[in-house]
Amino acid sequence: MRSRYEQALAEVEEMKRTLREHARNVAAREKELEQERLELAGRQGRRRTTGPAPTSIVEDAERRTELDRLIAEARKREQQAVQELALAKAEREQLDEREATIRKVERELAGLRVQLQEERARLGGSAPSEPEPAREPDPDREPPPPTPLPQPPADPDLEPAATAKPNRSSKLADPQLKRRR
């Protein structure tokens, strides 16, 4: 049970690390795409408002053809950016779902940890050999029941100390520990 718990903890930590890296990459790409979209929108606005007037009909036709081609390329890049942005948003949603799954697994691991501690207490009655990892308090969980006080023995020794049989020292009782004369 303990090895399964440790393996699950290691898997959760690896998933968290992977998710953090992926989230950083998605956020960076999302920012990059938004910046590119703004640049494209700004360039198209400037192209329409500025530019020298063509001097001949041929130059005007060539210029229009080139501008149409550039606008088509810009629209294509913008469409790709919009698609990548939608993909980035979908990936962000997946990351959120995975984080929720991780939180669920962490709660499950906490439950397993409690079960393991209860089993240890029941079997050995000794304190855990390793320190318990720091964890956040769970407001949904009820506090543990109070520890019962030790009960006095059922039949107390009512014999007075003076009339009781004197106990022998362990040295005297064990022949190997007796002093040699």
C-alpha atoms as a PDB file:
ATOM      1  CA  MET A   1       0.000   0.000   0.000  1.00  0.00           C
ATOM      2  CA  ARG A   2       2.886   2.314   0.870  1.00  0.00           C
ATOM      3  CA  SER A   3       4.698   1.722  -2.416  1.00  0.00           C
ATOM      4  CA  ARG A   4       1.483   2.402  -4.336  1.00  0.00           C
ATOM      5  CA  TYR A   5       1.072   5.640  -2.402  1.00  0.00           C
ATOM      6  CA  GLU A   6       4.666   6.726  -3.103  1.00  0.00           C
ATOM      7  CA  GLN A   7       4.322   5.822  -6.776  1.00  0.00           C
ATOM      8  CA  ALA A   8       1.108   7.835  -7.033  1.00  0.00           C
ATOM      9  CA  LEU A   9       2.784  10.806  -5.361  1.00  0.00           C
ATOM     10  CA  ALA A  10       5.656  10.645  -7.837  1.00  0.00           C
ATOM     11  CA  GLU A  11       3.222  10.461 -10.757  1.00  0.00           C
ATOM     12  CA  VAL A  12       1.273  13.463  -9.446  1.00  0.00           C
ATOM     13  CA  GLU A  13       4.456  15.516  -9.094  1.00  0.00           C
ATOM     14  CA  GLU A  14       5.525  14.589 -12.638  1.00  0.00           C
ATOM     15  CA  MET A  15       2.073  15.507 -13.978  1.00  0.00           C
ATOM     16  CA  LYS A  16       2.211  18.853 -12.161  1.00  0.00           C
ATOM     17  CA  ARG A  17       5.639  19.623 -13.617  1.00  0.00           C
ATOM     18  CA  THR A  18       4.506  18.684 -17.125  1.00  0.00           C
ATOM     19  CA  LEU A  19       1.346  20.754 -16.786  1.00  0.00           C
ATOM     20  CA  ARG A  20       3.284  23.804 -15.597  1.00  0.00           C
ATOM     21  CA  GLU A  21       5.650  23.569 -18.581  1.00  0.00           C
ATOM     22  CA  HIS A  22       2.788  23.047 -21.002  1.00  0.00           C
ATOM     23  CA  ALA A  23       0.800  25.932 -19.502  1.00  0.00           C
ATOM     24  CA  ARG A  24       3.804  28.251 -19.882  1.00  0.00           C
ATOM     25  CA  ASN A  25       4.212  27.200 -23.530  1.00  0.00           C
ATOM     26  CA  VAL A  26       0.500  27.655 -24.258  1.00  0.00           C
ATOM     27  CA  ALA A  27       0.437  31.065 -22.580  1.00  0.00           C
ATOM     28  CA  ALA A  28       3.518  32.199 -24.509  1.00  0.00           C
ATOM     29  CA  ARG A  29       2.073  30.985 -27.819  1.00  0.00           C
ATOM     30  CA  GLU A  30      -1.273  32.594 -27.019  1.00  0.00           C
ATOM     31  CA  LYS A  31       0.455  35.914 -26.350  1.00  0.00           C
ATOM     32  CA  GLU A  32       2.521  35.591 -29.522  1.00  0.00           C
ATOM     33  CA  LEU A  33      -0.567  34.897 -31.635  1.00  0.00           C
ATOM     34  CA  GLU A  34      -2.452  37.824 -30.157  1.00  0.00           C
ATOM     35  CA  GLN A  35       0.498  40.114 -30.858  1.00  0.00           C
ATOM     36  CA  GLU A  36       0.717  38.863 -34.451  1.00  0.00           C
ATOM     37  CA  ARG A  37      -3.007  39.399 -34.962  1.00  0.00           C
ATOM     38  CA  LEU A  38      -2.698  42.983 -33.694  1.00  0.00           C
ATOM     39  CA  GLU A  39       0.296  43.616 -35.966  1.00  0.00           C
ATOM     40  CA  LEU A  40      -1.575  42.292 -38.988  1.00  0.00           C
ATOM     41  CA  ALA A  41      -4.604  44.422 -38.220  1.00  0.00           C
ATOM     42  CA  GLY A  42      -2.366  47.487 -37.805  1.00  0.00           C
ATOM     43  CA  ARG A  43      -0.495  46.860 -41.069  1.00  0.00           C
ATOM     44  CA  GLN A  44      -3.665  46.469 -43.068  1.00  0.00           C
ATOM     45  CA  GLY A  45      -5.008  49.762 -41.708  1.00  0.00           C
ATOM     46  CA  ARG A  46      -1.799  51.602 -42.617  1.00  0.00           C
ATOM     47  CA  ARG A  47      -1.700  50.141 -46.106  1.00  0.00           C
ATOM     48  CA  ARG A  48      -5.154  51.363 -46.904  1.00  0.00           C
ATOM     49  CA  THR A  49      -4.562  54.902 -45.733  1.00  0.00           C
ATOM     50  CA  THR A  50      -1.032  55.554 -47.011  1.00  0.00           C
ATOM     51  CA  GLY A  51       0.913  55.079 -50.214  1.00  0.00           C
ATOM     52  CA  PRO A  52       1.886  57.145 -53.234  1.00  0.00           C
ATOM     53  CA  ALA A  53      -0.610  57.465 -56.073  1.00  0.00           C
ATOM     54  CA  PRO A  54       0.331  55.275 -59.072  1.00  0.00           C
ATOM     55  CA  THR A  55       1.246  57.166 -62.179  1.00  0.00           C
ATOM     56  CA  SER A  56      -0.012  54.773 -64.856  1.00  0.00           C
ATOM     57  CA  ILE A  57      -2.784  52.224 -65.282  1.00  0.00           C
ATOM     58  CA  VAL A  58      -0.291  49.329 -65.553  1.00  0.00           C
ATOM     59  CA  GLU A  59       1.434  50.336 -62.338  1.00  0.00           C
ATOM     60  CA  ASP A  60      -1.979  50.705 -60.694  1.00  0.00           C
ATOM     61  CA  ALA A  61      -2.989  47.167 -61.782  1.00  0.00           C
ATOM     62  CA  GLU A  62       0.335  45.695 -60.637  1.00  0.00           C
ATOM     63  CA  ARG A  63       0.089  47.491 -57.323  1.00  0.00           C
ATOM     64  CA  ARG A  64      -3.507  46.273 -56.796  1.00  0.00           C
ATOM     65  CA  THR A  65      -2.479  42.708 -57.643  1.00  0.00           C
ATOM     66  CA  GLU A  66       0.397  42.835 -55.197  1.00  0.00           C
ATOM     67  CA  LEU A  67      -1.762  44.434 -52.524  1.00  0.00           C
ATOM     68  CA  ASP A  68      -4.474  41.821 -53.059  1.00  0.00           C
ATOM     69  CA  ARG A  69      -1.876  39.073 -52.716  1.00  0.00           C
ATOM     70  CA  LEU A  70      -0.457  40.637 -49.541  1.00  0.00           C
ATOM     71  CA  ILE A  71      -3.935  41.084 -48.083  1.00  0.00           C
ATOM     72  CA  ALA A  72      -4.790  37.457 -48.896  1.00  0.00           C
ATOM     73  CA  GLU A  73      -1.581  36.314 -47.169  1.00  0.00           C
ATOM     74  CA  ALA A  74      -2.323  38.501 -44.163  1.00  0.00           C
ATOM     75  CA  ARG A  75      -5.882  37.143 -43.949  1.00  0.00           C
ATOM     76  CA  LYS A  76      -4.561  33.606 -44.214  1.00  0.00           C
ATOM     77  CA  ARG A  77      -2.040  34.261 -41.411  1.00  0.00           C
ATOM     78  CA  GLU A  78      -4.764  35.901 -39.330  1.00  0.00           C
ATOM     79  CA  GLN A  79      -7.065  32.924 -39.887  1.00  0.00           C
ATOM     80  CA  GLN A  80      -4.264  30.571 -38.864  1.00  0.00           C
ATOM     81  CA  ALA A  81      -3.620  32.719 -35.793  1.00  0.00           C
ATOM     82  CA  VAL A  82      -7.309  32.588 -34.869  1.00  0.00           C
ATOM     83  CA  GLN A  83      -7.289  28.797 -35.282  1.00  0.00           C
ATOM     84  CA  GLU A  84      -4.156  28.480 -33.157  1.00  0.00           C
ATOM     85  CA  LEU A  85      -5.718  30.756 -30.554  1.00  0.00           C
ATOM     86  CA  ALA A  86      -8.786  28.524 -30.439  1.00  0.00           C
ATOM     87  CA  LEU A  87      -6.512  25.504 -30.122  1.00  0.00           C
ATOM     88  CA  ALA A  88      -4.583  27.212 -27.328  1.00  0.00           C
ATOM     89  CA  LYS A  89      -7.861  27.916 -25.496  1.00  0.00           C
ATOM     90  CA  ALA A  90      -8.896  24.275 -25.891  1.00  0.00           C
ATOM     91  CA  GLU A  91      -5.520  23.181 -24.533  1.00  0.00           C
ATOM     92  CA  ARG A  92      -5.949  25.565 -21.604  1.00  0.00           C
ATOM     93  CA  GLU A  93      -9.316  23.938 -20.856  1.00  0.00           C
ATOM     94  CA  GLN A  94      -7.669  20.512 -20.992  1.00  0.00           C
ATOM     95  CA  LEU A  95      -4.994  21.741 -18.605  1.00  0.00           C
ATOM     96  CA  ASP A  96      -7.684  22.962 -16.216  1.00  0.00           C
ATOM     97  CA  GLU A  97      -9.375  19.555 -16.387  1.00  0.00           C
ATOM     98  CA  ARG A  98      -6.063  17.798 -15.719  1.00  0.00           C
ATOM     99  CA  GLU A  99      -5.400  20.089 -12.759  1.00  0.00           C
ATOM    100  CA  ALA A 100      -8.839  19.194 -11.388  1.00  0.00           C
ATOM    101  CA  THR A 101      -7.962  15.519 -11.852  1.00  0.00           C
ATOM    102  CA  ILE A 102      -4.690  16.077 -10.011  1.00  0.00           C
ATOM    103  CA  ARG A 103      -6.531  17.718  -7.114  1.00  0.00           C
ATOM    104  CA  LYS A 104      -8.884  14.716  -7.028  1.00  0.00           C
ATOM    105  CA  VAL A 105      -5.932  12.295  -6.963  1.00  0.00           C
ATOM    106  CA  GLU A 106      -4.267  14.350  -4.215  1.00  0.00           C
ATOM    107  CA  ARG A 107      -7.442  14.086  -2.129  1.00  0.00           C
ATOM    108  CA  GLU A 108      -7.473  10.343  -2.760  1.00  0.00           C
ATOM    109  CA  LEU A 109      -3.817  10.121  -1.739  1.00  0.00           C
ATOM    110  CA  ALA A 110      -4.572  12.038   1.437  1.00  0.00           C
ATOM    111  CA  GLY A 111      -7.272   9.487   2.219  1.00  0.00           C
ATOM    112  CA  LEU A 112      -4.818   6.652   1.565  1.00  0.00           C
ATOM    113  CA  ARG A 113      -2.283   8.369   3.817  1.00  0.00           C
ATOM    114  CA  VAL A 114      -4.864   8.509   6.612  1.00  0.00           C
ATOM    115  CA  GLN A 115      -5.710   4.836   6.068  1.00  0.00           C
ATOM    116  CA  LEU A 116      -2.015   3.943   6.150  1.00  0.00           C
ATOM    117  CA  GLN A 117      -1.518   5.848   9.395  1.00  0.00           C
ATOM    118  CA  GLU A 118      -4.553   4.179  10.939  1.00  0.00           C
ATOM    119  CA  GLU A 119      -3.261   0.787   9.840  1.00  0.00           C
ATOM    120  CA  ARG A 120       0.167   1.540  11.309  1.00  0.00           C
ATOM    121  CA  ALA A 121      -1.402   2.654  14.563  1.00  0.00           C
ATOM    122  CA  ARG A 122      -3.551  -0.457  14.697  1.00  0.00           C
ATOM    123  CA  LEU A 123      -0.719  -2.877  13.860  1.00  0.00           C
ATOM    124  CA  GLY A 124       2.242  -1.392  15.636  1.00  0.00           C
ATOM    125  CA  GLY A 125       0.947   1.422  17.748  1.00  0.00           C
ATOM    126  CA  SER A 126       4.162   3.303  17.043  1.00  0.00           C
ATOM    127  CA  ALA A 127       4.635   6.767  15.625  1.00  0.00           C
ATOM    128  CA  PRO A 128       5.436   7.059  11.900  1.00  0.00           C
ATOM    129  CA  SER A 129       9.131   6.679  11.159  1.00  0.00           C
ATOM    130  CA  GLU A 130       9.215   9.559   8.727  1.00  0.00           C
ATOM    131  CA  PRO A 131       7.833  13.081   9.159  1.00  0.00           C
ATOM    132  CA  GLU A 132       4.435  13.705   7.694  1.00  0.00           C
ATOM    133  CA  PRO A 133       4.513  15.998   4.644  1.00  0.00           C
ATOM    134  CA  ALA A 134       3.027  19.430   5.121  1.00  0.00           C
ATOM    135  CA  ARG A 135      -0.494  19.618   3.829  1.00  0.00           C
ATOM    136  CA  GLU A 136      -3.254  22.124   3.678  1.00  0.00           C
ATOM    137  CA  PRO A 137      -6.108  21.639   6.122  1.00  0.00           C
ATOM    138  CA  ASP A 138      -9.169  20.139   4.506  1.00  0.00           C
ATOM    139  CA  PRO A 139     -12.219  22.144   5.618  1.00  0.00           C
ATOM    140  CA  ASP A 140     -14.621  19.412   4.396  1.00  0.00           C
ATOM    141  CA  ARG A 141     -13.112  16.747   6.632  1.00  0.00           C
ATOM    142  CA  GLU A 142     -14.294  16.278  10.200  1.00  0.00           C
ATOM    143  CA  PRO A 143     -11.665  16.548  12.943  1.00  0.00           C
ATOM    144  CA  PRO A 144     -10.413  13.218  14.294  1.00  0.00           C
ATOM    145  CA  PRO A 145     -12.024  11.893  17.485  1.00  0.00           C
ATOM    146  CA  PRO A 146     -10.200  12.727  20.727  1.00  0.00           C
ATOM    147  CA  THR A 147      -7.649  10.229  21.995  1.00  0.00           C
ATOM    148  CA  PRO A 148      -9.085   8.220  24.928  1.00  0.00           C
ATOM    149  CA  LEU A 149      -7.391   8.503  28.325  1.00  0.00           C
ATOM    150  CA  PRO A 150      -5.607   5.408  29.687  1.00  0.00           C
ATOM    151  CA  GLN A 151      -7.813   3.362  32.014  1.00  0.00           C
ATOM    152  CA  PRO A 152      -6.612   2.212  35.493  1.00  0.00           C
ATOM    153  CA  PRO A 153      -6.115  -1.564  35.942  1.00  0.00           C
ATOM    154  CA  ALA A 154      -9.265  -3.559  36.612  1.00  0.00           C
ATOM    155  CA  ASP A 155      -8.120  -5.183  39.920  1.00  0.00           C
ATOM    156  CA  PRO A 156      -5.907  -2.796  41.915  1.00  0.00           C
ATOM    157  CA  ASP A 157      -3.211  -4.139  44.227  1.00  0.00           C
ATOM    158  CA  LEU A 158      -4.684  -3.671  47.697  1.00  0.00           C
ATOM    159  CA  GLU A 159      -1.846  -5.395  49.523  1.00  0.00           C
ATOM    160  CA  PRO A 160       0.164  -2.961  51.679  1.00  0.00           C
ATOM    161  CA  ALA A 161       3.726  -2.387  50.680  1.00  0.00           C
ATOM    162  CA  ALA A 162       5.151  -3.645  53.989  1.00  0.00           C
ATOM    163  CA  THR A 163       3.519  -7.051  53.767  1.00  0.00           C
ATOM    164  CA  ALA A 164       4.248  -7.518  50.092  1.00  0.00           C
ATOM    165  CA  LYS A 165       6.891 -10.036  49.130  1.00  0.00           C
ATOM    166  CA  PRO A 166      10.173  -8.239  48.403  1.00  0.00           C
ATOM    167  CA  ASN A 167      11.128  -8.383  44.751  1.00  0.00           C
ATOM    168  CA  ARG A 168      14.522  -9.728  43.896  1.00  0.00           C
ATOM    169  CA  SER A 169      16.958  -7.713  41.914  1.00  0.00           C
ATOM    170  CA  SER A 170      17.351  -8.813  38.317  1.00  0.00           C
ATOM    171  CA  LYS A 171      21.079  -9.295  38.982  1.00  0.00           C
ATOM    172  CA  LEU A 172      20.359 -11.791  41.688  1.00  0.00           C
ATOM    173  CA  ALA A 173      17.757 -13.620  39.651  1.00  0.00           C
ATOM    174  CA  ASP A 174      20.002 -14.075  36.596  1.00  0.00           C
ATOM    175  CA  PRO A 175      22.884 -16.495  37.332  1.00  0.00           C
ATOM    176  CA  GLN A 176      25.097 -14.981  34.614  1.00  0.00           C
ATOM    177  CA  LEU A 177      24.923 -11.539  36.200  1.00  0.00           C
ATOM    178  CA  LYS A 178      25.758 -12.631  39.762  1.00  0.00           C
ATOM    179  CA  ARG A 179      29.077 -11.463  41.080  1.00  0.00           C
ATOM    180  CA  ARG A 180      31.623 -14.185  41.131  1.00  0.00           C
ATOM    181  CA  ARG A 181      33.187 -14.807  44.511  1.00  0.00           C
END
